Amino acid sequence: MQLRTFALAASAVLLAGCSAAADAAPGVLAADPWARTTDGAERPDMTAVFVNLTNPTDEDRILVEADCGDVAEVTELHVMEEHDGKMVMVEAEDGITVPAGKHWHLAPGGPHIMLMGLTRELPAGSEELTCTLTFDDGQAIEIVAPIKQFTEEQDTYHEHLEDGTEVTPGG
């Protein structure tokens, strides 16, 4: 009798936990992260991290910070903007919006996580970077990004706007 009572109580606790999990609002989901190798880069002191984000909620979410540990002196969120007829990357000071109910790709030539002042080289296939992505609602996602070659990229696939001055970052 005691075993049956225990089993029923345990089942009730499990069902309550499943119900609570089902009622909890899903947060932003991250998939397919990767980081660009420094192998052969014109600027081996910087690179970028890319990831596919999905926001299944009914509210826009804003990626406000990325922390990739001690691999770089500076980590910034970047977006592409047109300046003087050229597409350049600039820091996304207000973060990167992941629209409600949509997929958003942080990808080469678009929004991305920029790592500058790298503390070490990042050879393709050598390691993985662990980064924590933080959103405006407090959600934090840890991603593990393998270091990959990006063969379609020119060393300077876009220009970087820095304090009003355009520079070629190579990443």
N, C-alpha and C. Protein backbone atom coordinates (compact mmCIF):
# COMPACT_ATOMS: atom_id res chain seq x y z
N MET A 1 0.83 -1.20 0.00
CA MET A 1 0.00 0.00 0.00
C MET A 1 0.87 1.27 0.00
N GLN A 2 1.94 1.28 0.80
CA GLN A 2 2.80 2.45 0.86
C GLN A 2 3.51 2.67 -0.47
N LEU A 3 3.92 1.59 -1.14
CA LEU A 3 4.58 1.70 -2.43
C LEU A 3 3.64 2.31 -3.46
N ARG A 4 2.36 1.89 -3.42
CA ARG A 4 1.37 2.42 -4.36
C ARG A 4 1.14 3.91 -4.10
N THR A 5 1.05 4.29 -2.85
CA THR A 5 0.86 5.70 -2.48
C THR A 5 2.05 6.53 -2.94
N PHE A 6 3.27 5.99 -2.71
CA PHE A 6 4.47 6.68 -3.15
C PHE A 6 4.49 6.84 -4.67
N ALA A 7 4.14 5.80 -5.40
CA ALA A 7 4.12 5.84 -6.87
C ALA A 7 3.12 6.88 -7.36
N LEU A 8 1.95 6.93 -6.75
CA LEU A 8 0.94 7.92 -7.15
C LEU A 8 1.42 9.34 -6.85
N ALA A 9 2.06 9.53 -5.70
CA ALA A 9 2.58 10.86 -5.34
C ALA A 9 3.69 11.27 -6.30
N ALA A 10 4.58 10.34 -6.63
CA ALA A 10 5.67 10.64 -7.56
C ALA A 10 5.12 10.99 -8.93
N SER A 11 4.09 10.26 -9.38
CA SER A 11 3.47 10.55 -10.68
C SER A 11 2.85 11.93 -10.68
N ALA A 12 2.21 12.31 -9.60
CA ALA A 12 1.59 13.64 -9.51
C ALA A 12 2.65 14.73 -9.59
N VAL A 13 3.77 14.53 -8.91
CA VAL A 13 4.86 15.52 -8.96
C VAL A 13 5.40 15.64 -10.37
N LEU A 14 5.64 14.50 -11.05
CA LEU A 14 6.14 14.53 -12.43
C LEU A 14 5.17 15.23 -13.36
N LEU A 15 3.88 14.93 -13.23
CA LEU A 15 2.88 15.57 -14.09
C LEU A 15 2.82 17.06 -13.83
N ALA A 16 2.91 17.47 -12.57
CA ALA A 16 2.89 18.90 -12.25
C ALA A 16 4.10 19.58 -12.86
N GLY A 17 5.27 18.94 -12.79
CA GLY A 17 6.48 19.51 -13.38
C GLY A 17 6.36 19.63 -14.88
N CYS A 18 5.80 18.63 -15.54
CA CYS A 18 5.61 18.68 -16.99
C CYS A 18 4.63 19.78 -17.36
N SER A 19 3.57 19.93 -16.57
CA SER A 19 2.59 20.97 -16.85
C SER A 19 3.21 22.35 -16.70
N ALA A 20 4.01 22.52 -15.65
CA ALA A 20 4.67 23.82 -15.43
C ALA A 20 5.63 24.11 -16.58
N ALA A 21 6.37 23.10 -17.03
CA ALA A 21 7.29 23.30 -18.14
C ALA A 21 6.54 23.64 -19.42
N ALA A 22 5.40 23.01 -19.63
CA ALA A 22 4.61 23.28 -20.83
C ALA A 22 4.02 24.68 -20.77
N ASP A 23 3.69 25.16 -19.54
CA ASP A 23 3.10 26.49 -19.39
C ASP A 23 4.16 27.59 -19.49
N ALA A 24 5.42 27.25 -19.21
CA ALA A 24 6.49 28.25 -19.26
C ALA A 24 6.68 28.73 -20.70
N ALA A 25 6.82 30.03 -20.85
CA ALA A 25 7.01 30.60 -22.19
C ALA A 25 8.36 30.18 -22.73
N PRO A 26 8.39 29.68 -23.97
CA PRO A 26 9.69 29.32 -24.55
C PRO A 26 10.49 30.58 -24.84
N GLY A 27 11.77 30.45 -24.75
CA GLY A 27 12.64 31.58 -25.05
C GLY A 27 13.24 31.44 -26.43
N VAL A 28 14.17 32.31 -26.74
CA VAL A 28 14.87 32.27 -28.02
C VAL A 28 15.69 30.98 -28.07
N LEU A 29 15.72 30.36 -29.23
CA LEU A 29 16.48 29.13 -29.46
C LEU A 29 17.66 29.44 -30.36
N ALA A 30 18.78 28.77 -30.12
CA ALA A 30 19.99 28.98 -30.92
C ALA A 30 20.39 27.66 -31.58
N ALA A 31 20.82 27.74 -32.85
CA ALA A 31 21.24 26.54 -33.58
C ALA A 31 22.39 26.87 -34.53
N ASP A 32 23.19 25.86 -34.82
CA ASP A 32 24.27 25.93 -35.81
C ASP A 32 25.26 27.07 -35.60
N PRO A 33 25.76 27.26 -34.38
CA PRO A 33 26.78 28.31 -34.19
C PRO A 33 28.10 27.89 -34.81
N TRP A 34 28.89 28.89 -35.24
CA TRP A 34 30.26 28.65 -35.71
C TRP A 34 31.02 29.95 -35.69
N ALA A 35 32.33 29.83 -35.65
CA ALA A 35 33.21 31.00 -35.65
C ALA A 35 34.17 30.87 -36.82
N ARG A 36 34.50 32.00 -37.42
CA ARG A 36 35.40 32.04 -38.57
C ARG A 36 36.85 31.88 -38.11
N THR A 37 37.58 31.03 -38.79
CA THR A 37 38.98 30.79 -38.47
C THR A 37 39.82 32.05 -38.75
N THR A 38 40.97 32.10 -38.09
CA THR A 38 41.92 33.16 -38.40
C THR A 38 42.94 32.68 -39.43
N ASP A 39 42.88 31.41 -39.82
CA ASP A 39 43.79 30.86 -40.84
C ASP A 39 43.73 31.70 -42.12
N GLY A 40 44.84 32.26 -42.51
CA GLY A 40 44.91 33.00 -43.76
C GLY A 40 44.18 34.33 -43.77
N ALA A 41 43.66 34.78 -42.64
CA ALA A 41 42.92 36.04 -42.59
C ALA A 41 43.87 37.22 -42.73
N GLU A 42 43.40 38.24 -43.43
CA GLU A 42 44.18 39.47 -43.57
C GLU A 42 44.36 40.14 -42.21
N ARG A 43 43.33 40.02 -41.35
CA ARG A 43 43.38 40.57 -39.99
C ARG A 43 43.18 39.45 -38.98
N PRO A 44 44.22 38.69 -38.64
CA PRO A 44 44.07 37.58 -37.70
C PRO A 44 43.81 37.99 -36.26
N ASP A 45 43.73 39.30 -36.02
CA ASP A 45 43.45 39.79 -34.67
C ASP A 45 41.95 39.92 -34.41
N MET A 46 41.12 39.57 -35.41
CA MET A 46 39.67 39.65 -35.23
C MET A 46 38.99 38.54 -36.00
N THR A 47 37.80 38.21 -35.55
CA THR A 47 36.97 37.21 -36.22
C THR A 47 35.52 37.47 -35.83
N ALA A 48 34.64 36.60 -36.29
CA ALA A 48 33.22 36.75 -35.99
C ALA A 48 32.61 35.40 -35.65
N VAL A 49 31.55 35.45 -34.85
CA VAL A 49 30.78 34.27 -34.48
C VAL A 49 29.39 34.45 -35.09
N PHE A 50 28.88 33.35 -35.63
CA PHE A 50 27.58 33.35 -36.30
C PHE A 50 26.69 32.29 -35.67
N VAL A 51 25.38 32.51 -35.71
CA VAL A 51 24.42 31.55 -35.13
C VAL A 51 23.04 31.85 -35.68
N ASN A 52 22.22 30.82 -35.79
CA ASN A 52 20.82 30.98 -36.21
C ASN A 52 19.96 31.07 -34.95
N LEU A 53 19.15 32.11 -34.87
CA LEU A 53 18.29 32.31 -33.71
C LEU A 53 16.83 32.19 -34.13
N THR A 54 16.02 31.58 -33.28
CA THR A 54 14.58 31.46 -33.52
C THR A 54 13.87 32.00 -32.30
N ASN A 55 12.91 32.88 -32.52
CA ASN A 55 12.12 33.46 -31.44
C ASN A 55 10.69 32.96 -31.58
N PRO A 56 10.32 31.91 -30.83
CA PRO A 56 8.96 31.37 -30.94
C PRO A 56 7.92 32.16 -30.15
N THR A 57 8.35 33.22 -29.45
CA THR A 57 7.42 33.98 -28.62
C THR A 57 6.63 34.98 -29.45
N ASP A 58 5.69 35.63 -28.82
CA ASP A 58 4.89 36.64 -29.51
C ASP A 58 5.40 38.06 -29.24
N GLU A 59 6.61 38.15 -28.68
CA GLU A 59 7.25 39.45 -28.45
C GLU A 59 8.64 39.44 -29.04
N ASP A 60 9.05 40.57 -29.63
CA ASP A 60 10.43 40.70 -30.10
C ASP A 60 11.37 40.52 -28.92
N ARG A 61 12.50 39.90 -29.16
CA ARG A 61 13.55 39.77 -28.16
C ARG A 61 14.78 40.46 -28.71
N ILE A 62 15.57 41.05 -27.84
CA ILE A 62 16.76 41.77 -28.27
C ILE A 62 17.99 41.10 -27.66
N LEU A 63 18.90 40.68 -28.54
CA LEU A 63 20.19 40.18 -28.10
C LEU A 63 20.98 41.40 -27.66
N VAL A 64 21.30 41.49 -26.37
CA VAL A 64 21.94 42.70 -25.84
C VAL A 64 23.42 42.52 -25.55
N GLU A 65 23.88 41.24 -25.45
CA GLU A 65 25.28 41.03 -25.11
C GLU A 65 25.71 39.63 -25.53
N ALA A 66 26.98 39.53 -25.89
CA ALA A 66 27.61 38.23 -26.12
C ALA A 66 28.92 38.23 -25.35
N ASP A 67 29.16 37.16 -24.64
CA ASP A 67 30.39 37.01 -23.87
C ASP A 67 31.06 35.71 -24.31
N CYS A 68 32.21 35.84 -24.95
CA CYS A 68 32.93 34.66 -25.45
C CYS A 68 34.20 34.40 -24.64
N GLY A 69 34.19 34.80 -23.41
CA GLY A 69 35.32 34.53 -22.52
C GLY A 69 36.54 35.36 -22.86
N ASP A 70 37.70 34.78 -22.62
CA ASP A 70 38.95 35.52 -22.74
C ASP A 70 39.59 35.40 -24.12
N VAL A 71 38.87 34.94 -25.12
CA VAL A 71 39.44 34.78 -26.46
C VAL A 71 39.72 36.12 -27.14
N ALA A 72 39.03 37.17 -26.71
CA ALA A 72 39.21 38.49 -27.33
C ALA A 72 39.16 39.59 -26.28
N GLU A 73 39.86 40.68 -26.58
CA GLU A 73 39.85 41.84 -25.69
C GLU A 73 38.49 42.54 -25.72
N VAL A 74 37.84 42.52 -26.91
CA VAL A 74 36.57 43.20 -27.09
C VAL A 74 35.61 42.29 -27.84
N THR A 75 34.37 42.21 -27.35
CA THR A 75 33.30 41.48 -28.04
C THR A 75 32.14 42.46 -28.24
N GLU A 76 31.71 42.61 -29.50
CA GLU A 76 30.61 43.53 -29.82
C GLU A 76 29.60 42.84 -30.71
N LEU A 77 28.38 43.33 -30.64
CA LEU A 77 27.33 42.92 -31.58
C LEU A 77 27.38 43.89 -32.74
N HIS A 78 27.42 43.39 -33.97
CA HIS A 78 27.51 44.25 -35.16
C HIS A 78 26.35 44.01 -36.10
N VAL A 79 25.96 45.06 -36.80
CA VAL A 79 24.97 45.00 -37.87
C VAL A 79 25.52 45.72 -39.08
N MET A 80 24.88 45.52 -40.22
CA MET A 80 25.29 46.18 -41.45
C MET A 80 24.39 47.40 -41.68
N GLU A 81 25.02 48.50 -42.08
CA GLU A 81 24.29 49.73 -42.41
C GLU A 81 24.93 50.35 -43.64
N GLU A 82 24.12 51.14 -44.35
CA GLU A 82 24.65 51.83 -45.52
C GLU A 82 25.15 53.21 -45.10
N HIS A 83 26.39 53.49 -45.47
CA HIS A 83 27.00 54.80 -45.22
C HIS A 83 27.70 55.23 -46.49
N ASP A 84 27.32 56.41 -47.00
CA ASP A 84 27.93 56.95 -48.22
C ASP A 84 27.90 55.95 -49.37
N GLY A 85 26.77 55.23 -49.48
CA GLY A 85 26.59 54.30 -50.59
C GLY A 85 27.29 52.97 -50.43
N LYS A 86 27.93 52.74 -49.28
CA LYS A 86 28.61 51.47 -49.03
C LYS A 86 28.00 50.79 -47.82
N MET A 87 27.96 49.45 -47.86
CA MET A 87 27.52 48.69 -46.69
C MET A 87 28.73 48.52 -45.78
N VAL A 88 28.57 48.94 -44.54
CA VAL A 88 29.63 48.83 -43.55
C VAL A 88 29.06 48.22 -42.27
N MET A 89 29.93 47.63 -41.47
CA MET A 89 29.44 47.11 -40.21
C MET A 89 29.67 48.14 -39.11
N VAL A 90 28.68 48.21 -38.23
CA VAL A 90 28.73 49.13 -37.09
C VAL A 90 28.27 48.38 -35.85
N GLU A 91 28.70 48.87 -34.71
CA GLU A 91 28.26 48.26 -33.47
C GLU A 91 26.75 48.48 -33.30
N ALA A 92 26.06 47.43 -32.92
CA ALA A 92 24.62 47.50 -32.65
C ALA A 92 24.46 47.91 -31.19
N GLU A 93 24.56 49.19 -30.94
CA GLU A 93 24.57 49.70 -29.57
C GLU A 93 23.29 49.36 -28.81
N ASP A 94 22.17 49.22 -29.52
CA ASP A 94 20.91 48.87 -28.87
C ASP A 94 20.61 47.38 -28.97
N GLY A 95 21.59 46.59 -29.44
CA GLY A 95 21.41 45.16 -29.55
C GLY A 95 20.87 44.75 -30.91
N ILE A 96 20.64 43.45 -31.07
CA ILE A 96 20.12 42.90 -32.32
C ILE A 96 18.75 42.30 -32.04
N THR A 97 17.74 42.81 -32.72
CA THR A 97 16.38 42.36 -32.50
C THR A 97 16.12 41.05 -33.22
N VAL A 98 15.55 40.09 -32.49
CA VAL A 98 15.09 38.83 -33.05
C VAL A 98 13.56 38.93 -33.04
N PRO A 99 12.95 39.16 -34.23
CA PRO A 99 11.51 39.41 -34.29
C PRO A 99 10.66 38.26 -33.76
N ALA A 100 9.53 38.60 -33.17
CA ALA A 100 8.60 37.60 -32.64
C ALA A 100 8.17 36.63 -33.74
N GLY A 101 8.20 35.35 -33.41
CA GLY A 101 7.74 34.32 -34.33
C GLY A 101 8.62 34.13 -35.56
N LYS A 102 9.85 34.60 -35.53
CA LYS A 102 10.72 34.56 -36.72
C LYS A 102 12.06 33.89 -36.42
N HIS A 103 12.74 33.54 -37.51
CA HIS A 103 14.13 33.09 -37.46
C HIS A 103 15.00 34.29 -37.80
N TRP A 104 16.13 34.41 -37.17
CA TRP A 104 17.06 35.51 -37.45
C TRP A 104 18.45 34.90 -37.53
N HIS A 105 19.15 35.20 -38.60
CA HIS A 105 20.45 34.59 -38.82
C HIS A 105 21.57 35.61 -38.59
N LEU A 106 22.45 35.31 -37.67
CA LEU A 106 23.68 36.07 -37.53
C LEU A 106 24.65 35.38 -38.47
N ALA A 107 24.98 36.06 -39.58
CA ALA A 107 25.69 35.41 -40.68
C ALA A 107 26.66 36.39 -41.34
N PRO A 108 27.65 35.87 -42.06
CA PRO A 108 28.58 36.75 -42.79
C PRO A 108 27.82 37.73 -43.69
N GLY A 109 28.23 38.98 -43.63
CA GLY A 109 27.57 40.01 -44.44
C GLY A 109 26.33 40.57 -43.79
N GLY A 110 25.99 40.08 -42.59
CA GLY A 110 24.81 40.54 -41.85
C GLY A 110 25.17 40.73 -40.39
N PRO A 111 24.17 40.71 -39.52
CA PRO A 111 24.46 40.87 -38.10
C PRO A 111 25.34 39.71 -37.62
N HIS A 112 26.23 39.99 -36.67
CA HIS A 112 27.14 38.97 -36.17
C HIS A 112 27.75 39.42 -34.84
N ILE A 113 28.45 38.50 -34.21
CA ILE A 113 29.19 38.78 -32.98
C ILE A 113 30.64 38.98 -33.39
N MET A 114 31.17 40.16 -33.14
CA MET A 114 32.53 40.50 -33.56
C MET A 114 33.49 40.35 -32.39
N LEU A 115 34.58 39.61 -32.61
CA LEU A 115 35.62 39.43 -31.61
C LEU A 115 36.85 40.17 -32.09
N MET A 116 37.32 41.15 -31.31
CA MET A 116 38.45 41.98 -31.71
C MET A 116 39.54 41.91 -30.65
N GLY A 117 40.78 42.01 -31.12
CA GLY A 117 41.91 41.89 -30.21
C GLY A 117 42.02 40.46 -29.70
N LEU A 118 42.00 39.51 -30.64
CA LEU A 118 42.07 38.11 -30.24
C LEU A 118 43.32 37.83 -29.42
N THR A 119 43.17 36.99 -28.43
CA THR A 119 44.29 36.65 -27.55
C THR A 119 45.08 35.45 -28.06
N ARG A 120 44.55 34.78 -29.10
CA ARG A 120 45.24 33.63 -29.69
C ARG A 120 44.70 33.39 -31.10
N GLU A 121 45.45 32.64 -31.87
CA GLU A 121 44.98 32.25 -33.21
C GLU A 121 43.86 31.24 -33.06
N LEU A 122 43.00 31.17 -34.08
CA LEU A 122 41.89 30.24 -34.07
C LEU A 122 41.93 29.40 -35.35
N PRO A 123 42.79 28.37 -35.38
CA PRO A 123 42.88 27.52 -36.56
C PRO A 123 41.59 26.71 -36.75
N ALA A 124 41.22 26.49 -38.00
CA ALA A 124 40.01 25.71 -38.32
C ALA A 124 40.12 24.33 -37.71
N GLY A 125 39.05 23.88 -37.08
CA GLY A 125 38.97 22.54 -36.52
C GLY A 125 39.75 22.34 -35.24
N SER A 126 40.37 23.40 -34.72
CA SER A 126 41.26 23.23 -33.57
C SER A 126 40.53 23.21 -32.23
N GLU A 127 39.46 23.93 -32.14
CA GLU A 127 38.77 24.07 -30.86
C GLU A 127 37.37 24.61 -31.10
N GLU A 128 36.67 24.84 -30.02
CA GLU A 128 35.34 25.44 -30.08
C GLU A 128 35.32 26.63 -29.12
N LEU A 129 34.58 27.65 -29.49
CA LEU A 129 34.40 28.80 -28.60
C LEU A 129 33.08 28.67 -27.87
N THR A 130 33.10 28.92 -26.59
CA THR A 130 31.85 28.93 -25.82
C THR A 130 31.49 30.38 -25.58
N CYS A 131 30.28 30.74 -25.98
CA CYS A 131 29.79 32.11 -25.82
C CYS A 131 28.44 32.08 -25.12
N THR A 132 28.21 33.07 -24.29
CA THR A 132 26.90 33.22 -23.66
C THR A 132 26.20 34.41 -24.30
N LEU A 133 25.00 34.16 -24.82
CA LEU A 133 24.19 35.21 -25.43
C LEU A 133 23.14 35.64 -24.42
N THR A 134 23.04 36.94 -24.16
CA THR A 134 22.08 37.45 -23.19
C THR A 134 21.06 38.33 -23.90
N PHE A 135 19.79 38.12 -23.55
CA PHE A 135 18.68 38.84 -24.18
C PHE A 135 18.05 39.82 -23.21
N ASP A 136 17.27 40.74 -23.75
CA ASP A 136 16.67 41.82 -22.96
C ASP A 136 15.75 41.33 -21.85
N ASP A 137 15.23 40.13 -21.94
CA ASP A 137 14.35 39.60 -20.89
C ASP A 137 15.12 38.82 -19.83
N GLY A 138 16.47 38.83 -19.93
CA GLY A 138 17.29 38.14 -18.96
C GLY A 138 17.67 36.72 -19.37
N GLN A 139 17.08 36.20 -20.44
CA GLN A 139 17.43 34.86 -20.90
C GLN A 139 18.89 34.83 -21.33
N ALA A 140 19.59 33.78 -20.94
CA ALA A 140 20.98 33.58 -21.36
C ALA A 140 21.07 32.20 -22.01
N ILE A 141 21.70 32.16 -23.18
CA ILE A 141 21.90 30.91 -23.91
C ILE A 141 23.40 30.70 -24.07
N GLU A 142 23.87 29.52 -23.74
CA GLU A 142 25.27 29.19 -23.99
C GLU A 142 25.35 28.44 -25.32
N ILE A 143 26.21 28.95 -26.22
CA ILE A 143 26.44 28.26 -27.49
C ILE A 143 27.88 27.78 -27.54
N VAL A 144 28.11 26.73 -28.28
CA VAL A 144 29.46 26.21 -28.49
C VAL A 144 29.70 26.25 -30.00
N ALA A 145 30.60 27.13 -30.41
CA ALA A 145 30.83 27.41 -31.83
C ALA A 145 32.14 26.79 -32.30
N PRO A 146 32.07 25.78 -33.19
CA PRO A 146 33.31 25.25 -33.75
C PRO A 146 33.98 26.28 -34.66
N ILE A 147 35.30 26.22 -34.74
CA ILE A 147 36.06 27.13 -35.61
C ILE A 147 36.06 26.51 -37.00
N LYS A 148 35.56 27.28 -37.98
CA LYS A 148 35.43 26.76 -39.35
C LYS A 148 36.04 27.69 -40.37
N GLN A 149 36.41 27.11 -41.49
CA GLN A 149 36.87 27.87 -42.66
C GLN A 149 35.62 28.41 -43.36
N PHE A 150 35.71 29.58 -43.92
CA PHE A 150 34.60 30.14 -44.70
C PHE A 150 35.15 30.46 -46.08
N THR A 151 35.07 29.51 -46.98
CA THR A 151 35.73 29.61 -48.27
C THR A 151 35.07 30.59 -49.23
N GLU A 152 33.81 30.92 -49.02
CA GLU A 152 33.11 31.83 -49.93
C GLU A 152 33.48 33.29 -49.66
N GLU A 153 34.14 33.52 -48.56
CA GLU A 153 34.42 34.88 -48.12
C GLU A 153 35.71 35.43 -48.73
N GLN A 154 35.65 36.65 -49.15
CA GLN A 154 36.87 37.37 -49.46
C GLN A 154 37.44 37.83 -48.11
N ASP A 155 38.72 38.10 -48.04
CA ASP A 155 39.28 38.56 -46.77
C ASP A 155 38.60 39.83 -46.28
N THR A 156 38.09 40.62 -47.20
CA THR A 156 37.42 41.86 -46.81
C THR A 156 36.02 41.86 -47.40
N TYR A 157 35.11 41.07 -46.78
CA TYR A 157 33.77 40.98 -47.34
C TYR A 157 32.89 42.16 -46.99
N HIS A 158 33.31 43.00 -46.09
CA HIS A 158 32.62 44.27 -45.84
C HIS A 158 33.57 45.22 -45.13
N GLU A 159 33.16 46.46 -45.09
CA GLU A 159 33.99 47.46 -44.44
C GLU A 159 33.41 47.80 -43.08
N HIS A 160 34.26 48.30 -42.22
CA HIS A 160 33.90 48.57 -40.85
C HIS A 160 33.92 50.07 -40.61
N LEU A 161 32.86 50.57 -40.04
CA LEU A 161 32.80 51.99 -39.72
C LEU A 161 33.20 52.15 -38.26
N GLU A 162 34.24 52.91 -38.04
CA GLU A 162 34.77 53.06 -36.69
C GLU A 162 35.01 54.55 -36.45
N ASP A 163 34.19 55.15 -35.60
CA ASP A 163 34.32 56.58 -35.30
C ASP A 163 34.30 57.42 -36.57
N GLY A 164 33.43 57.02 -37.52
CA GLY A 164 33.31 57.79 -38.75
C GLY A 164 34.36 57.46 -39.79
N THR A 165 35.31 56.57 -39.46
CA THR A 165 36.37 56.21 -40.39
C THR A 165 36.16 54.78 -40.85
N GLU A 166 36.23 54.57 -42.16
CA GLU A 166 36.08 53.22 -42.68
C GLU A 166 37.42 52.52 -42.68
N VAL A 167 37.42 51.29 -42.18
CA VAL A 167 38.62 50.47 -42.20
C VAL A 167 38.25 49.09 -42.72
N THR A 168 39.21 48.36 -43.18
CA THR A 168 38.97 47.02 -43.69
C THR A 168 39.33 46.01 -42.62
N PRO A 169 38.33 45.27 -42.04
CA PRO A 169 38.61 44.40 -40.92
C PRO A 169 39.02 42.99 -41.31
N GLY A 170 38.65 42.52 -42.49
CA GLY A 170 38.92 41.14 -42.83
C GLY A 170 38.06 40.17 -42.07
N GLY A 171 36.93 40.59 -41.56
CA GLY A 171 36.11 39.62 -40.84
C GLY A 171 34.82 40.17 -40.51
